[in-house]
Amino acid sequence: MELRVHLGIQTLRAAVQGAGLDNDPWMRDLWARITINAEIQQLGLLAPTVAELRLCDVDWQHAVGHVIGNGIGQLCPAEVGPLLALQQGGEELIVLMETLRGLNDCRYTLSVRRGQLVAYQPVPGRVLSPSSRLVFIPTTRTDEPASDTFGIGSGCI
């Protein structure tokens, strides 16, 4: 999946809000914590499901540990959440990124649900749905074929 990057945070926020994709009250606070890296023009992302990663009964933190720890991918910049809301839709997409601290001192990541940009609180122990798609920047792995990148097959890791 390829994402086009916007010129600035105000432009991105205006586009998301103008499209009616920002109805989550928690997002009002988080917008101030999202920055855009001006050097990035385009991002290549992967969005496998939890099941495709062969993860069973895992929470967000364990999924991040699996993706990063096994060299499958890297964390996304926070701007990926709003960009996904504008350019994708339908499926639940949970962005693997550094968490953002909200006013209530809770940590949030961003997700897209039914086309809406929402704050996602990665509570330890909250099991991810097997059909949820986890979005991250792929790590180029030359030591194994692409079909084995996620360990797709039967059973859980």
N, C-alpha and C. Protein backbone atom coordinates (compact mmCIF):
# COMPACT_ATOMS: atom_id res chain seq x y z
N MET A 1 0.85 -1.16 0.00
CA MET A 1 0.00 0.00 0.00
C MET A 1 0.90 1.22 0.00
N GLU A 2 0.60 2.19 -0.83
CA GLU A 2 1.37 3.43 -0.91
C GLU A 2 0.51 4.58 -0.44
N LEU A 3 1.09 5.46 0.36
CA LEU A 3 0.38 6.66 0.82
C LEU A 3 1.09 7.90 0.32
N ARG A 4 0.31 8.87 -0.14
CA ARG A 4 0.85 10.18 -0.51
C ARG A 4 0.84 11.04 0.75
N VAL A 5 1.90 11.78 0.96
CA VAL A 5 2.03 12.59 2.17
C VAL A 5 1.61 14.02 1.87
N HIS A 6 0.90 14.65 2.81
CA HIS A 6 0.44 16.03 2.66
C HIS A 6 1.56 17.02 3.01
N LEU A 7 1.35 18.27 2.66
CA LEU A 7 2.38 19.29 2.85
C LEU A 7 2.55 19.74 4.30
N GLY A 8 1.53 19.66 5.09
CA GLY A 8 1.65 20.11 6.47
C GLY A 8 0.51 19.58 7.32
N ILE A 9 0.67 19.66 8.62
CA ILE A 9 -0.33 19.10 9.53
C ILE A 9 -1.67 19.84 9.42
N GLN A 10 -1.63 21.15 9.24
CA GLN A 10 -2.89 21.91 9.12
C GLN A 10 -3.65 21.50 7.86
N THR A 11 -2.92 21.31 6.76
CA THR A 11 -3.54 20.87 5.51
C THR A 11 -4.14 19.48 5.67
N LEU A 12 -3.39 18.60 6.32
CA LEU A 12 -3.87 17.23 6.54
C LEU A 12 -5.10 17.22 7.43
N ARG A 13 -5.06 17.97 8.52
CA ARG A 13 -6.20 18.02 9.44
C ARG A 13 -7.44 18.59 8.75
N ALA A 14 -7.24 19.64 7.97
CA ALA A 14 -8.37 20.24 7.24
C ALA A 14 -8.97 19.24 6.24
N ALA A 15 -8.11 18.47 5.58
CA ALA A 15 -8.61 17.48 4.61
C ALA A 15 -9.41 16.39 5.31
N VAL A 16 -8.90 15.89 6.44
CA VAL A 16 -9.60 14.83 7.19
C VAL A 16 -10.92 15.35 7.73
N GLN A 17 -10.90 16.53 8.33
CA GLN A 17 -12.13 17.09 8.89
C GLN A 17 -13.11 17.48 7.80
N GLY A 18 -12.60 18.02 6.70
CA GLY A 18 -13.45 18.41 5.58
C GLY A 18 -14.16 17.22 4.95
N ALA A 19 -13.53 16.05 5.01
CA ALA A 19 -14.14 14.83 4.47
C ALA A 19 -15.06 14.15 5.48
N GLY A 20 -15.17 14.75 6.68
CA GLY A 20 -16.05 14.18 7.71
C GLY A 20 -15.51 12.90 8.31
N LEU A 21 -14.18 12.74 8.36
CA LEU A 21 -13.57 11.50 8.83
C LEU A 21 -13.03 11.60 10.25
N ASP A 22 -13.34 12.69 10.93
CA ASP A 22 -12.78 12.95 12.25
C ASP A 22 -13.89 13.26 13.24
N ASN A 23 -14.63 12.23 13.66
CA ASN A 23 -15.73 12.43 14.60
C ASN A 23 -15.43 11.93 16.00
N ASP A 24 -14.21 11.42 16.22
CA ASP A 24 -13.83 10.89 17.52
C ASP A 24 -13.39 12.04 18.42
N PRO A 25 -14.06 12.26 19.56
CA PRO A 25 -13.70 13.38 20.43
C PRO A 25 -12.28 13.31 20.97
N TRP A 26 -11.71 12.10 21.11
CA TRP A 26 -10.34 11.98 21.60
C TRP A 26 -9.34 12.52 20.60
N MET A 27 -9.69 12.56 19.32
CA MET A 27 -8.78 13.04 18.29
C MET A 27 -8.49 14.53 18.41
N ARG A 28 -9.42 15.30 18.96
CA ARG A 28 -9.20 16.75 19.10
C ARG A 28 -7.90 17.03 19.83
N ASP A 29 -7.65 16.29 20.90
CA ASP A 29 -6.44 16.46 21.68
C ASP A 29 -5.22 15.91 20.96
N LEU A 30 -5.37 14.81 20.26
CA LEU A 30 -4.22 14.14 19.66
C LEU A 30 -3.67 14.86 18.43
N TRP A 31 -4.50 15.65 17.76
CA TRP A 31 -4.01 16.38 16.58
C TRP A 31 -2.79 17.22 16.92
N ALA A 32 -2.76 17.80 18.10
CA ALA A 32 -1.63 18.66 18.50
C ALA A 32 -0.34 17.86 18.65
N ARG A 33 -0.42 16.56 18.73
CA ARG A 33 0.75 15.71 18.94
C ARG A 33 1.24 15.01 17.68
N ILE A 34 0.52 15.21 16.58
CA ILE A 34 0.90 14.59 15.31
C ILE A 34 1.78 15.57 14.54
N THR A 35 2.92 15.10 14.10
CA THR A 35 3.81 15.93 13.28
C THR A 35 4.01 15.25 11.94
N ILE A 36 4.45 16.03 10.98
CA ILE A 36 4.72 15.50 9.64
C ILE A 36 6.19 15.67 9.33
N ASN A 37 6.81 14.62 8.86
CA ASN A 37 8.19 14.67 8.42
C ASN A 37 8.21 15.19 6.99
N ALA A 38 8.69 16.41 6.81
CA ALA A 38 8.67 17.06 5.50
C ALA A 38 9.52 16.34 4.46
N GLU A 39 10.45 15.52 4.90
CA GLU A 39 11.33 14.82 3.96
C GLU A 39 10.66 13.61 3.32
N ILE A 40 9.59 13.10 3.92
CA ILE A 40 8.91 11.92 3.38
C ILE A 40 7.85 12.37 2.38
N GLN A 41 7.96 11.89 1.15
CA GLN A 41 6.99 12.22 0.11
C GLN A 41 5.97 11.11 -0.09
N GLN A 42 6.39 9.88 0.13
CA GLN A 42 5.53 8.73 -0.07
C GLN A 42 5.97 7.62 0.89
N LEU A 43 5.01 6.86 1.39
CA LEU A 43 5.30 5.78 2.31
C LEU A 43 4.79 4.47 1.75
N GLY A 44 5.62 3.45 1.78
CA GLY A 44 5.19 2.10 1.43
C GLY A 44 4.86 1.38 2.72
N LEU A 45 3.67 0.81 2.80
CA LEU A 45 3.21 0.16 4.03
C LEU A 45 2.72 -1.25 3.76
N LEU A 46 2.73 -2.07 4.78
CA LEU A 46 2.08 -3.37 4.76
C LEU A 46 0.93 -3.33 5.76
N ALA A 47 -0.10 -4.11 5.49
CA ALA A 47 -1.25 -4.15 6.38
C ALA A 47 -1.81 -5.58 6.47
N PRO A 48 -1.00 -6.51 6.98
CA PRO A 48 -1.50 -7.88 7.15
C PRO A 48 -2.49 -7.95 8.31
N THR A 49 -3.34 -8.96 8.30
CA THR A 49 -4.24 -9.16 9.43
C THR A 49 -3.45 -9.82 10.57
N VAL A 50 -4.01 -9.75 11.75
CA VAL A 50 -3.43 -10.43 12.90
C VAL A 50 -3.29 -11.92 12.59
N ALA A 51 -4.30 -12.49 11.94
CA ALA A 51 -4.26 -13.92 11.58
C ALA A 51 -3.15 -14.21 10.58
N GLU A 52 -2.94 -13.33 9.59
CA GLU A 52 -1.87 -13.53 8.62
C GLU A 52 -0.50 -13.50 9.27
N LEU A 53 -0.38 -12.79 10.36
CA LEU A 53 0.87 -12.76 11.12
C LEU A 53 1.00 -13.98 12.03
N ARG A 54 -0.03 -14.84 11.99
CA ARG A 54 -0.10 -16.05 12.81
C ARG A 54 -0.04 -15.73 14.29
N LEU A 55 -0.66 -14.64 14.67
CA LEU A 55 -0.72 -14.26 16.08
C LEU A 55 -2.10 -14.62 16.63
N CYS A 56 -2.14 -15.21 17.77
CA CYS A 56 -3.39 -15.59 18.41
C CYS A 56 -3.45 -15.01 19.81
N ASP A 57 -4.58 -14.46 20.15
CA ASP A 57 -4.82 -13.95 21.49
C ASP A 57 -3.72 -13.01 21.96
N VAL A 58 -3.36 -12.04 21.11
CA VAL A 58 -2.33 -11.08 21.48
C VAL A 58 -2.92 -9.68 21.58
N ASP A 59 -2.30 -8.86 22.41
CA ASP A 59 -2.69 -7.47 22.49
C ASP A 59 -1.78 -6.64 21.57
N TRP A 60 -2.03 -5.35 21.52
CA TRP A 60 -1.30 -4.44 20.64
C TRP A 60 0.20 -4.49 20.92
N GLN A 61 0.57 -4.43 22.18
CA GLN A 61 1.98 -4.39 22.54
C GLN A 61 2.72 -5.65 22.10
N HIS A 62 2.10 -6.80 22.24
CA HIS A 62 2.72 -8.05 21.78
C HIS A 62 2.81 -8.09 20.26
N ALA A 63 1.82 -7.55 19.57
CA ALA A 63 1.87 -7.50 18.10
C ALA A 63 3.02 -6.61 17.65
N VAL A 64 3.19 -5.46 18.29
CA VAL A 64 4.31 -4.56 17.97
C VAL A 64 5.63 -5.29 18.22
N GLY A 65 5.73 -5.96 19.36
CA GLY A 65 6.95 -6.70 19.68
C GLY A 65 7.27 -7.76 18.64
N HIS A 66 6.23 -8.43 18.14
CA HIS A 66 6.43 -9.46 17.12
C HIS A 66 6.94 -8.85 15.82
N VAL A 67 6.29 -7.80 15.35
CA VAL A 67 6.66 -7.17 14.07
C VAL A 67 8.06 -6.57 14.14
N ILE A 68 8.34 -5.81 15.19
CA ILE A 68 9.65 -5.16 15.32
C ILE A 68 10.73 -6.18 15.68
N GLY A 69 10.45 -7.01 16.68
CA GLY A 69 11.43 -7.96 17.17
C GLY A 69 11.88 -9.00 16.16
N ASN A 70 11.00 -9.35 15.22
CA ASN A 70 11.34 -10.34 14.20
C ASN A 70 11.82 -9.70 12.90
N GLY A 71 12.00 -8.38 12.92
CA GLY A 71 12.52 -7.69 11.74
C GLY A 71 11.55 -7.64 10.59
N ILE A 72 10.26 -7.80 10.85
CA ILE A 72 9.24 -7.77 9.80
C ILE A 72 8.95 -6.34 9.37
N GLY A 73 8.96 -5.41 10.33
CA GLY A 73 8.62 -4.04 10.01
C GLY A 73 9.11 -3.05 11.04
N GLN A 74 8.81 -1.79 10.75
CA GLN A 74 9.17 -0.66 11.61
C GLN A 74 7.90 0.11 11.96
N LEU A 75 7.97 0.88 13.03
CA LEU A 75 6.84 1.70 13.43
C LEU A 75 6.60 2.80 12.40
N CYS A 76 5.34 3.17 12.24
CA CYS A 76 4.95 4.24 11.33
C CYS A 76 5.03 5.58 12.04
N PRO A 77 5.23 6.66 11.27
CA PRO A 77 5.06 7.98 11.86
C PRO A 77 3.56 8.21 12.11
N ALA A 78 3.23 9.06 13.07
CA ALA A 78 1.83 9.28 13.44
C ALA A 78 0.97 9.80 12.29
N GLU A 79 1.57 10.47 11.33
CA GLU A 79 0.80 11.02 10.21
C GLU A 79 0.12 9.93 9.36
N VAL A 80 0.56 8.68 9.52
CA VAL A 80 -0.02 7.58 8.75
C VAL A 80 -1.51 7.42 9.07
N GLY A 81 -1.91 7.59 10.33
CA GLY A 81 -3.32 7.45 10.71
C GLY A 81 -4.24 8.34 9.89
N PRO A 82 -4.02 9.67 9.91
CA PRO A 82 -4.88 10.54 9.10
C PRO A 82 -4.79 10.26 7.60
N LEU A 83 -3.60 9.92 7.12
CA LEU A 83 -3.46 9.61 5.70
C LEU A 83 -4.27 8.37 5.32
N LEU A 84 -4.27 7.36 6.18
CA LEU A 84 -5.08 6.17 5.92
C LEU A 84 -6.56 6.50 5.89
N ALA A 85 -7.00 7.36 6.79
CA ALA A 85 -8.42 7.73 6.81
C ALA A 85 -8.82 8.37 5.48
N LEU A 86 -7.93 9.16 4.90
CA LEU A 86 -8.23 9.82 3.63
C LEU A 86 -8.14 8.89 2.43
N GLN A 87 -7.20 7.95 2.47
CA GLN A 87 -6.89 7.19 1.27
C GLN A 87 -7.34 5.74 1.30
N GLN A 88 -7.79 5.25 2.43
CA GLN A 88 -8.25 3.88 2.55
C GLN A 88 -9.64 3.89 3.17
N GLY A 89 -10.21 2.76 3.37
CA GLY A 89 -11.51 2.71 4.02
C GLY A 89 -11.92 1.28 4.27
N GLY A 90 -13.08 1.12 4.87
CA GLY A 90 -13.61 -0.22 5.06
C GLY A 90 -13.07 -0.95 6.26
N GLU A 91 -12.00 -1.71 6.06
CA GLU A 91 -11.48 -2.58 7.11
C GLU A 91 -10.90 -1.77 8.28
N GLU A 92 -10.84 -2.45 9.43
CA GLU A 92 -10.19 -1.81 10.57
C GLU A 92 -8.68 -1.88 10.37
N LEU A 93 -8.05 -0.71 10.43
CA LEU A 93 -6.61 -0.60 10.27
C LEU A 93 -6.04 0.00 11.55
N ILE A 94 -5.14 -0.71 12.21
CA ILE A 94 -4.52 -0.22 13.44
C ILE A 94 -3.06 0.09 13.13
N VAL A 95 -2.67 1.35 13.36
CA VAL A 95 -1.33 1.80 13.04
C VAL A 95 -0.36 1.40 14.14
N LEU A 96 0.72 0.71 13.76
CA LEU A 96 1.78 0.41 14.71
C LEU A 96 2.72 1.61 14.70
N MET A 97 2.73 2.35 15.79
CA MET A 97 3.46 3.62 15.89
C MET A 97 3.81 3.89 17.34
N GLU A 98 4.67 4.89 17.57
CA GLU A 98 4.90 5.34 18.92
C GLU A 98 3.57 5.89 19.44
N THR A 99 3.23 5.56 20.67
CA THR A 99 1.95 6.05 21.19
C THR A 99 2.03 7.55 21.46
N LEU A 100 0.86 8.18 21.42
CA LEU A 100 0.71 9.61 21.72
C LEU A 100 0.06 9.73 23.08
N ARG A 101 0.56 10.63 23.91
CA ARG A 101 -0.01 10.82 25.24
C ARG A 101 -1.14 11.85 25.16
N GLY A 102 -2.33 11.44 25.60
CA GLY A 102 -3.49 12.32 25.59
C GLY A 102 -3.56 13.16 26.85
N LEU A 103 -4.52 14.09 26.87
CA LEU A 103 -4.69 14.97 28.03
C LEU A 103 -4.97 14.18 29.31
N ASN A 104 -5.65 13.07 29.18
CA ASN A 104 -5.97 12.25 30.35
C ASN A 104 -4.79 11.37 30.77
N ASP A 105 -3.60 11.64 30.19
CA ASP A 105 -2.36 10.94 30.46
C ASP A 105 -2.37 9.48 29.99
N CYS A 106 -3.36 9.11 29.20
CA CYS A 106 -3.39 7.77 28.61
C CYS A 106 -2.61 7.80 27.30
N ARG A 107 -2.16 6.65 26.88
CA ARG A 107 -1.43 6.52 25.62
C ARG A 107 -2.39 6.02 24.53
N TYR A 108 -2.23 6.59 23.34
CA TYR A 108 -3.09 6.24 22.21
C TYR A 108 -2.24 6.00 20.97
N THR A 109 -2.74 5.14 20.12
CA THR A 109 -2.26 5.02 18.76
C THR A 109 -3.45 5.42 17.89
N LEU A 110 -3.31 5.38 16.61
CA LEU A 110 -4.40 5.78 15.72
C LEU A 110 -4.88 4.58 14.93
N SER A 111 -6.15 4.59 14.61
CA SER A 111 -6.70 3.54 13.77
C SER A 111 -7.77 4.13 12.87
N VAL A 112 -8.13 3.37 11.87
CA VAL A 112 -9.21 3.75 10.97
C VAL A 112 -10.26 2.65 11.09
N ARG A 113 -11.46 3.05 11.47
CA ARG A 113 -12.58 2.10 11.58
C ARG A 113 -13.74 2.64 10.77
N ARG A 114 -14.22 1.81 9.86
CA ARG A 114 -15.34 2.20 9.00
C ARG A 114 -15.09 3.57 8.36
N GLY A 115 -13.83 3.79 7.96
CA GLY A 115 -13.47 5.03 7.28
C GLY A 115 -13.23 6.21 8.20
N GLN A 116 -13.41 6.04 9.51
CA GLN A 116 -13.23 7.14 10.46
C GLN A 116 -11.88 7.05 11.16
N LEU A 117 -11.21 8.18 11.32
CA LEU A 117 -9.97 8.24 12.09
C LEU A 117 -10.34 8.24 13.56
N VAL A 118 -9.81 7.31 14.32
CA VAL A 118 -10.14 7.22 15.74
C VAL A 118 -8.88 6.99 16.57
N ALA A 119 -8.95 7.45 17.82
CA ALA A 119 -7.89 7.18 18.78
C ALA A 119 -8.10 5.76 19.30
N TYR A 120 -7.04 4.99 19.33
CA TYR A 120 -7.11 3.60 19.79
C TYR A 120 -6.22 3.49 21.03
N GLN A 121 -6.82 3.10 22.13
CA GLN A 121 -6.06 2.96 23.36
C GLN A 121 -5.58 1.51 23.47
N PRO A 122 -4.26 1.28 23.32
CA PRO A 122 -3.73 -0.08 23.36
C PRO A 122 -3.60 -0.61 24.79
N VAL A 123 -4.72 -0.97 25.36
CA VAL A 123 -4.76 -1.45 26.74
C VAL A 123 -4.11 -2.83 26.82
N PRO A 124 -3.14 -3.01 27.74
CA PRO A 124 -2.53 -4.34 27.89
C PRO A 124 -3.59 -5.40 28.18
N GLY A 125 -3.51 -6.50 27.46
CA GLY A 125 -4.46 -7.59 27.65
C GLY A 125 -5.68 -7.53 26.75
N ARG A 126 -5.95 -6.39 26.09
CA ARG A 126 -7.08 -6.30 25.17
C ARG A 126 -6.69 -7.03 23.88
N VAL A 127 -7.30 -8.16 23.65
CA VAL A 127 -6.93 -9.03 22.52
C VAL A 127 -7.40 -8.41 21.21
N LEU A 128 -6.49 -8.42 20.23
CA LEU A 128 -6.81 -7.92 18.90
C LEU A 128 -7.62 -8.95 18.12
N SER A 129 -8.55 -8.49 17.33
CA SER A 129 -9.34 -9.37 16.47
C SER A 129 -8.43 -9.97 15.40
N PRO A 130 -8.62 -11.25 15.07
CA PRO A 130 -7.81 -11.86 14.01
C PRO A 130 -7.94 -11.15 12.66
N SER A 131 -9.07 -10.45 12.44
CA SER A 131 -9.29 -9.77 11.17
C SER A 131 -8.77 -8.33 11.15
N SER A 132 -8.32 -7.82 12.29
CA SER A 132 -7.76 -6.47 12.32
C SER A 132 -6.48 -6.42 11.50
N ARG A 133 -6.32 -5.36 10.74
CA ARG A 133 -5.10 -5.17 9.95
C ARG A 133 -4.15 -4.26 10.70
N LEU A 134 -2.91 -4.69 10.82
CA LEU A 134 -1.88 -3.92 11.50
C LEU A 134 -1.00 -3.27 10.44
N VAL A 135 -0.91 -1.95 10.50
CA VAL A 135 -0.19 -1.20 9.48
C VAL A 135 1.20 -0.84 9.99
N PHE A 136 2.22 -1.16 9.17
CA PHE A 136 3.59 -0.83 9.53
C PHE A 136 4.42 -0.66 8.26
N ILE A 137 5.61 -0.10 8.44
CA ILE A 137 6.56 0.06 7.34
C ILE A 137 7.34 -1.24 7.23
N PRO A 138 7.33 -1.88 6.07
CA PRO A 138 8.03 -3.16 5.95
C PRO A 138 9.54 -2.99 6.03
N THR A 139 10.17 -3.97 6.62
CA THR A 139 11.63 -4.05 6.63
C THR A 139 12.02 -4.95 5.47
N THR A 140 12.93 -4.51 4.65
CA THR A 140 13.39 -5.33 3.54
C THR A 140 14.17 -6.50 4.09
N ARG A 141 13.71 -7.68 3.75
CA ARG A 141 14.39 -8.89 4.22
C ARG A 141 14.84 -9.68 3.02
N THR A 142 16.13 -9.78 2.85
CA THR A 142 16.67 -10.49 1.70
C THR A 142 16.99 -11.94 2.02
N ASP A 143 16.86 -12.33 3.30
CA ASP A 143 17.26 -13.67 3.70
C ASP A 143 16.15 -14.71 3.58
N GLU A 144 14.95 -14.30 3.15
CA GLU A 144 13.88 -15.27 3.00
C GLU A 144 12.88 -14.80 1.96
N PRO A 145 12.15 -15.72 1.33
CA PRO A 145 11.18 -15.34 0.30
C PRO A 145 10.03 -14.54 0.89
N ALA A 146 9.44 -13.68 0.06
CA ALA A 146 8.36 -12.80 0.51
C ALA A 146 7.18 -13.59 1.08
N SER A 147 6.87 -14.76 0.54
CA SER A 147 5.72 -15.53 1.01
C SER A 147 5.89 -16.00 2.46
N ASP A 148 7.13 -16.07 2.94
CA ASP A 148 7.38 -16.50 4.31
C ASP A 148 7.59 -15.34 5.28
N THR A 149 7.48 -14.11 4.79
CA THR A 149 7.77 -12.95 5.62
C THR A 149 6.97 -12.96 6.91
N PHE A 150 5.71 -13.31 6.85
CA PHE A 150 4.87 -13.29 8.05
C PHE A 150 4.76 -14.64 8.72
N GLY A 151 5.39 -15.65 8.16
CA GLY A 151 5.24 -16.98 8.72
C GLY A 151 3.83 -17.50 8.47
N ILE A 152 3.22 -17.10 7.35
CA ILE A 152 1.83 -17.51 7.08
C ILE A 152 1.74 -19.01 6.96
N GLY A 153 0.79 -19.58 7.62
CA GLY A 153 0.58 -21.01 7.59
C GLY A 153 -0.43 -21.36 8.66
N SER A 154 -0.48 -22.60 9.03
CA SER A 154 -1.44 -23.00 10.05
C SER A 154 -0.84 -22.79 11.42
N GLY A 155 -1.70 -22.56 12.38
CA GLY A 155 -1.26 -22.43 13.76
C GLY A 155 -0.82 -21.02 14.10
N CYS A 156 -0.52 -20.84 15.37
CA CYS A 156 -0.11 -19.54 15.89
C CYS A 156 1.36 -19.57 16.27
N ILE A 157 1.93 -18.41 16.26
CA ILE A 157 3.32 -18.28 16.70
C ILE A 157 3.32 -18.07 18.21
